[in-house]
Amino acid sequence: MIDNQKKTIALIEKMKAHLPIPMVPTIKVYNMIHEKGVEIPKTHRFQIEKVHYLGDEGGICCGISVPAGSEAAFVTSLTHLRIKPGHLLFKEIKRYQTRRINKLARQHQ
């Protein structure tokens, strides 16, 4: 089992209570958005707008903001997002990300 179900559901509930959550996408997510033809102005502030759980296999996924006027919607794993260090849930989210990434890496060895 990758995720601790109780802790993961508790984190999701906390995240939902604090939406939207400011974040920075990894270069992989940024490139995915750009490849879909969505222009991202330098002033765009990315945010997590929705949070869902895809079970142990998929983990926590997030619906993220895109620039106004775009009809595209983007959902990605929480492990591909970087929460701003000053956010109330930063440490808890970072712990989840680190644990999940480490467990996934061990499974693929």
Protein backbone atom coordinates (compact mmCIF):
# COMPACT_ATOMS: atom_id res chain seq x y z
CA MET A 1 0.00 0.00 0.00
CA ILE A 2 1.39 3.38 -1.02
CA ASP A 3 -0.86 5.78 0.89
CA ASN A 4 -2.00 5.70 4.49
CA GLN A 5 -5.74 5.98 3.77
CA LYS A 6 -6.69 7.84 6.99
CA LYS A 7 -3.89 10.38 6.69
CA THR A 8 -4.51 10.90 2.98
CA ILE A 9 -8.25 11.48 3.39
CA ALA A 10 -7.54 13.87 6.29
CA LEU A 11 -5.08 15.82 4.11
CA ILE A 12 -7.61 16.02 1.27
CA GLU A 13 -10.24 17.43 3.62
CA LYS A 14 -7.77 20.05 4.90
CA MET A 15 -6.82 20.97 1.34
CA LYS A 16 -10.48 21.34 0.33
CA ALA A 17 -11.02 23.69 3.28
CA HIS A 18 -8.13 25.89 2.08
CA LEU A 19 -8.92 26.08 -1.65
CA PRO A 20 -7.67 27.70 -3.75
CA ILE A 21 -4.10 26.80 -2.83
CA PRO A 22 -1.30 28.77 -4.54
CA MET A 23 1.28 26.55 -6.21
CA VAL A 24 3.93 26.33 -8.87
CA PRO A 25 3.76 23.54 -11.46
CA THR A 26 6.81 21.43 -12.16
CA ILE A 27 8.37 21.91 -15.58
CA LYS A 28 6.65 18.67 -16.68
CA VAL A 29 3.19 20.09 -15.90
CA TYR A 30 4.06 23.50 -17.33
CA ASN A 31 5.18 21.85 -20.59
CA MET A 32 2.03 19.70 -20.69
CA ILE A 33 -0.13 22.82 -20.47
CA HIS A 34 1.93 24.62 -23.09
CA GLU A 35 1.83 21.59 -25.45
CA LYS A 36 -1.98 21.73 -25.34
CA GLY A 37 -1.76 25.21 -26.87
CA VAL A 38 -2.54 27.17 -23.73
CA GLU A 39 -0.50 30.35 -23.54
CA ILE A 40 0.59 31.10 -20.00
CA PRO A 41 1.25 34.77 -19.28
CA LYS A 42 4.11 35.45 -16.88
CA THR A 43 1.60 37.10 -14.52
CA HIS A 44 -0.57 33.97 -14.22
CA ARG A 45 -0.76 32.70 -10.67
CA PHE A 46 -1.36 28.96 -10.61
CA GLN A 47 -3.70 27.56 -7.97
CA ILE A 48 -5.11 24.22 -6.97
CA GLU A 49 -8.85 24.64 -7.42
CA LYS A 50 -10.11 21.08 -6.85
CA VAL A 51 -8.82 18.04 -5.01
CA HIS A 52 -9.76 14.38 -5.54
CA TYR A 53 -8.42 11.01 -4.49
CA LEU A 54 -7.79 8.40 -7.18
CA GLY A 55 -7.14 5.64 -4.70
CA ASP A 56 -3.84 4.13 -3.78
CA GLU A 57 -2.92 3.71 -7.44
CA GLY A 58 -3.37 7.37 -8.45
CA GLY A 59 -3.02 9.25 -5.17
CA ILE A 60 -4.20 12.82 -4.68
CA CYS A 61 -4.95 14.64 -7.92
CA CYS A 62 -5.60 18.33 -8.34
CA GLY A 63 -7.54 20.47 -10.77
CA ILE A 64 -5.37 23.49 -11.46
CA SER A 65 -6.15 26.98 -12.71
CA VAL A 66 -5.41 27.97 -16.28
CA PRO A 67 -5.33 31.47 -17.75
CA ALA A 68 -8.69 33.18 -18.25
CA GLY A 69 -10.27 32.51 -21.61
CA SER A 70 -8.85 29.01 -21.92
CA GLU A 71 -11.38 26.22 -22.32
CA ALA A 72 -8.84 23.58 -21.31
CA ALA A 73 -8.93 21.88 -17.93
CA PHE A 74 -5.89 20.33 -16.30
CA VAL A 75 -5.71 17.67 -13.62
CA THR A 76 -2.41 16.36 -12.32
CA SER A 77 -0.96 14.47 -9.41
CA LEU A 78 -0.16 16.47 -6.30
CA THR A 79 3.38 15.10 -6.58
CA HIS A 80 3.87 17.25 -9.72
CA LEU A 81 3.02 20.51 -7.95
CA ARG A 82 5.05 22.69 -5.63
CA ILE A 83 3.17 24.41 -2.83
CA LYS A 84 4.42 27.81 -1.79
CA PRO A 85 6.49 27.49 1.42
CA GLY A 86 4.43 30.05 3.36
CA HIS A 87 1.17 28.13 2.95
CA LEU A 88 -0.41 26.67 6.09
CA LEU A 89 -0.42 23.15 4.61
CA PHE A 90 3.04 23.32 3.04
CA LYS A 91 4.77 20.91 5.45
CA GLU A 92 1.95 18.38 5.46
CA ILE A 93 1.66 18.37 1.66
CA LYS A 94 5.44 18.14 1.27
CA ARG A 95 5.48 15.13 3.65
CA TYR A 96 2.78 13.41 1.58
CA GLN A 97 4.65 14.11 -1.66
CA THR A 98 7.98 12.85 -0.32
CA ARG A 99 6.47 9.67 1.16
CA ARG A 100 4.54 8.86 -2.01
CA ILE A 101 7.47 9.51 -4.34
CA ASN A 102 9.78 7.37 -2.18
CA LYS A 103 7.30 4.49 -2.00
CA LEU A 104 6.70 4.60 -5.75
CA ALA A 105 10.45 4.61 -6.39
CA ARG A 106 10.91 1.52 -4.18
CA GLN A 107 8.14 -0.31 -6.06
CA HIS A 108 9.92 0.26 -9.38
CA GLN A 109 13.34 -1.00 -8.29
